[in-house]
Amino acid sequence: MPYSPMLVRPMREELTSAGFEELTTAEEVERFMADRGGSALVVVNSVCGCAAGMARPGVRLALQDGPRPDRLATVFAGQDLEATARMRSHFPDLPPSSPSMALFRDGELVYFLPRHKIEGRDALAVARDLAEAFTRHCAAAGT
């Protein structure tokens, strides 16, 4: 059963206030993913401690300087079930993982950061991994 919307609101706002588009339905996911041009980062958000302490702060840090994706979106695992399932269908060869981050270039998955590479680390380490992926996959095309 999903957590109370009041409880998760700050967890959602931590990303939306950084420019992420919140996708709450399968239709919104398909509309977002239909735009295959440029780069897009998708965060699968979660209520867990590693999302709060590492994933969300790490992605916000990574977006502060240097190359960044053209588009940002988030789905919330355990909350927006249809949207999360639909987003995960865009990376079918990877086991479900939340939190996690997927970077797409021209509609193709080019980088994935699963939970097991987030938990047990700090936000700076997560930010470094993401910044490196942004440099490789976003800057190369001048975005």
Protein backbone atom coordinates (compact mmCIF):
# COMPACT_ATOMS: atom_id res chain seq x y z
CA MET A 1 0.00 0.00 0.00
CA PRO A 2 1.43 3.41 -0.95
CA TYR A 3 2.52 5.83 1.74
CA SER A 4 0.42 8.88 2.52
CA PRO A 5 0.73 11.61 -0.14
CA MET A 6 1.52 14.08 2.66
CA LEU A 7 4.48 11.96 3.75
CA VAL A 8 6.02 11.63 0.28
CA ARG A 9 5.37 15.20 -0.90
CA PRO A 10 8.77 16.50 0.32
CA MET A 11 10.48 13.51 -1.33
CA ARG A 12 8.80 14.37 -4.62
CA GLU A 13 9.52 18.10 -4.27
CA GLU A 14 13.21 17.46 -3.71
CA LEU A 15 13.38 16.48 -7.39
CA THR A 16 10.65 18.62 -8.91
CA SER A 17 12.19 21.73 -7.35
CA ALA A 18 15.40 20.81 -9.19
CA GLY A 19 13.58 20.79 -12.54
CA PHE A 20 12.40 17.19 -12.78
CA GLU A 21 9.07 16.51 -14.45
CA GLU A 22 7.03 14.17 -12.29
CA LEU A 23 5.45 11.35 -14.28
CA THR A 24 2.56 9.78 -12.39
CA THR A 25 0.76 7.80 -15.11
CA ALA A 26 1.78 5.33 -17.79
CA GLU A 27 0.56 7.81 -20.41
CA GLU A 28 2.84 10.54 -19.07
CA VAL A 29 5.78 8.12 -19.21
CA GLU A 30 5.03 7.22 -22.83
CA ARG A 31 4.70 10.90 -23.79
CA PHE A 32 8.04 11.69 -22.13
CA MET A 33 9.80 8.69 -23.70
CA ALA A 34 8.35 9.42 -27.16
CA ASP A 35 10.69 12.42 -27.39
CA ARG A 36 13.79 10.55 -28.46
CA GLY A 37 16.01 13.53 -29.24
CA GLY A 38 18.88 14.58 -27.01
CA SER A 39 19.52 13.30 -23.53
CA ALA A 40 17.10 12.48 -20.72
CA LEU A 41 17.68 11.46 -17.12
CA VAL A 42 15.02 9.49 -15.28
CA VAL A 43 15.15 9.00 -11.52
CA VAL A 44 13.15 6.16 -9.99
CA ASN A 45 12.46 7.79 -6.64
CA SER A 46 11.82 5.92 -3.38
CA VAL A 47 11.03 6.47 0.29
CA CYS A 48 14.08 4.51 1.46
CA GLY A 49 17.00 6.00 3.32
CA CYS A 50 19.45 5.65 0.44
CA ALA A 51 17.11 7.74 -1.73
CA ALA A 52 16.98 10.43 0.94
CA GLY A 53 20.64 10.43 1.89
CA MET A 54 22.40 9.57 -1.35
CA ALA A 55 20.27 9.42 -4.51
CA ARG A 56 18.25 12.64 -4.41
CA PRO A 57 21.07 14.80 -2.98
CA GLY A 58 23.54 13.17 -5.37
CA VAL A 59 21.52 13.88 -8.49
CA ARG A 60 20.92 17.48 -7.38
CA LEU A 61 24.68 17.96 -6.90
CA ALA A 62 25.46 16.40 -10.29
CA LEU A 63 23.14 18.84 -12.04
CA GLN A 64 24.76 21.95 -10.56
CA ASP A 65 27.83 22.24 -12.80
CA GLY A 66 29.04 20.95 -16.13
CA PRO A 67 27.08 19.10 -18.78
CA ARG A 68 23.59 17.99 -17.90
CA PRO A 69 20.77 16.12 -19.62
CA ASP A 70 18.33 18.03 -21.80
CA ARG A 71 15.30 16.64 -20.01
CA LEU A 72 14.69 15.39 -16.47
CA ALA A 73 11.89 13.15 -15.23
CA THR A 74 11.03 11.09 -12.19
CA VAL A 75 8.68 8.28 -11.26
CA PHE A 76 8.03 7.22 -7.68
CA ALA A 77 8.35 3.51 -6.90
CA GLY A 78 5.76 2.24 -4.46
CA GLN A 79 3.58 5.28 -5.14
CA ASP A 80 2.86 5.69 -8.83
CA LEU A 81 2.77 2.00 -9.66
CA GLU A 82 1.66 2.17 -13.31
CA ALA A 83 4.11 4.93 -14.16
CA THR A 84 6.99 3.12 -12.50
CA ALA A 85 6.19 -0.17 -14.23
CA ARG A 86 5.92 1.56 -17.60
CA MET A 87 9.22 3.39 -17.10
CA ARG A 88 10.94 0.16 -16.09
CA SER A 89 9.68 -1.38 -19.34
CA HIS A 90 12.09 1.01 -21.10
CA PHE A 91 15.01 -0.81 -19.46
CA PRO A 92 13.71 -4.40 -19.49
CA ASP A 93 17.06 -6.18 -19.20
CA LEU A 94 17.68 -4.63 -15.78
CA PRO A 95 16.08 -5.86 -12.57
CA PRO A 96 13.74 -3.42 -10.80
CA SER A 97 15.73 -1.14 -8.54
CA SER A 98 14.72 1.83 -6.46
CA PRO A 99 16.13 4.25 -6.16
CA SER A 100 17.86 4.14 -9.52
CA MET A 101 18.76 6.47 -12.37
CA ALA A 102 18.62 5.89 -16.10
CA LEU A 103 20.27 8.13 -18.69
CA PHE A 104 18.99 7.99 -22.25
CA ARG A 105 20.62 9.44 -25.37
CA ASP A 106 18.41 9.73 -28.46
CA GLY A 107 15.99 7.27 -26.88
CA GLU A 108 18.60 4.62 -26.08
CA LEU A 109 19.60 3.68 -22.53
CA VAL A 110 23.28 4.58 -22.20
CA TYR A 111 23.83 4.54 -18.43
CA PHE A 112 22.08 3.02 -15.43
CA LEU A 113 22.84 3.54 -11.74
CA PRO A 114 21.07 0.85 -9.67
CA ARG A 115 20.37 0.89 -5.96
CA HIS A 116 23.31 -1.38 -5.12
CA LYS A 117 25.67 1.28 -6.53
CA ILE A 118 23.92 4.02 -4.52
CA GLU A 119 23.45 2.55 -1.05
CA GLY A 120 26.42 2.56 1.27
CA ARG A 121 28.00 5.52 -0.53
CA ASP A 122 27.62 9.24 0.00
CA ALA A 123 25.86 11.82 -2.15
CA LEU A 124 29.18 13.15 -3.49
CA ALA A 125 30.15 9.72 -4.83
CA VAL A 126 26.77 9.36 -6.53
CA ALA A 127 27.14 12.88 -7.97
CA ARG A 128 30.60 12.03 -9.35
CA ASP A 129 29.26 8.91 -11.10
CA LEU A 130 26.41 10.88 -12.64
CA ALA A 131 28.60 13.83 -13.64
CA GLU A 132 30.94 11.43 -15.43
CA ALA A 133 27.99 9.89 -17.29
CA PHE A 134 26.71 13.37 -18.19
CA THR A 135 30.14 14.31 -19.55
CA ARG A 136 30.26 11.15 -21.68
CA HIS A 137 26.70 11.15 -22.94
CA CYS A 138 25.42 14.71 -22.78
CA ALA A 139 28.42 16.89 -23.60
CA ALA A 140 29.45 14.75 -26.58
CA ALA A 141 26.47 15.99 -28.54
CA GLY A 142 26.82 19.56 -27.33
CA THR A 143 23.92 19.43 -24.88
